[in-house]
Protein backbone atom coordinates (compact mmCIF):
# COMPACT_ATOMS: atom_id res chain seq x y z
CA MET A 1 1.55 17.34 -3.80
CA ASP A 2 0.77 20.97 -4.22
CA THR A 3 2.30 23.09 -6.96
CA ALA A 4 4.48 25.15 -4.61
CA THR A 5 6.14 22.01 -3.22
CA ILE A 6 6.80 20.64 -6.69
CA ILE A 7 8.32 23.94 -7.82
CA ALA A 8 10.53 24.14 -4.72
CA GLU A 9 11.82 20.60 -5.28
CA LEU A 10 12.49 21.25 -8.98
CA GLU A 11 14.39 24.46 -8.16
CA ALA A 12 16.49 22.61 -5.56
CA GLN A 13 17.27 19.91 -8.12
CA ARG A 14 18.20 22.57 -10.69
CA ASP A 15 20.60 24.18 -8.21
CA ARG A 16 22.26 20.82 -7.52
CA LEU A 17 22.65 20.19 -11.25
CA ASP A 18 24.09 23.68 -11.83
CA SER A 19 26.64 23.08 -9.07
CA ALA A 20 27.60 19.69 -10.51
CA ILE A 21 28.03 21.14 -14.02
CA ALA A 22 30.12 24.03 -12.71
CA ALA A 23 32.33 21.63 -10.73
CA LEU A 24 32.91 19.51 -13.81
CA GLN A 25 33.79 22.58 -15.85
CA GLY A 26 36.40 23.54 -13.27
CA SER A 27 34.75 26.68 -11.95
CA ARG A 28 31.99 27.35 -9.50
CA ALA A 29 29.02 29.35 -10.72
CA LYS A 30 28.43 30.71 -7.23
CA PRO A 31 31.17 31.25 -4.64
CA LYS A 32 30.65 29.18 -1.51
CA ILE A 33 29.64 31.33 1.42
CA ALA A 34 31.11 30.41 4.78
CA THR A 35 28.40 29.51 7.24
CA GLY A 36 28.34 28.27 10.78
CA ARG A 37 31.19 28.37 13.22
CA GLN A 38 34.52 29.60 11.93
CA ASP A 39 36.64 27.86 14.58
CA GLY A 40 35.90 24.37 13.23
CA ARG A 41 33.96 23.18 16.27
CA ARG A 42 30.53 21.66 15.82
CA ARG A 43 27.57 22.79 17.84
CA ARG A 44 25.91 20.08 19.88
CA LEU A 45 22.18 19.87 20.37
CA SER A 46 20.71 19.08 23.73
CA ALA A 47 18.53 16.00 24.09
CA ALA A 48 15.48 18.26 24.41
CA ALA A 49 16.34 20.09 21.19
CA ARG A 50 16.86 16.80 19.31
CA ARG A 51 13.53 15.53 20.63
CA LYS A 52 11.76 18.74 19.57
CA ILE A 53 13.25 18.59 16.06
CA GLY A 54 12.40 14.89 15.77
CA GLU A 55 8.78 15.48 16.76
CA ALA A 56 8.49 18.33 14.23
CA MET A 57 9.91 16.12 11.45
CA LYS A 58 7.53 13.27 12.30
CA LYS A 59 4.65 15.73 12.11
CA ARG A 60 5.82 16.97 8.67
CA TRP A 61 6.26 13.41 7.40
CA ALA A 62 2.78 12.47 8.61
CA GLU A 63 1.28 15.46 6.80
CA ARG A 64 3.11 14.58 3.57
CA LYS A 65 2.05 10.95 3.85
CA LYS A 66 -1.53 12.04 4.47
CA LYS A 67 -1.50 14.29 1.38
CA ALA A 68 0.07 11.58 -0.76
CA ALA A 69 -2.60 9.07 0.26
CA ALA A 70 -5.42 11.51 -0.49
């Protein structure tokens, strides 16, 4: 793994831990920002979009597996 990937994963883990600590203390460190649709409906992906995303993920996984084996 390269250094940038390791740093990104550690920062993500730190953010999760900060959120968990804040929740246990009874207050949130960062206010939750509303994202996505406000009417409560979920967006549906077309079959083509799901296929495209799936192919991209398989490509990323193959690259990570290749780097890990090297």
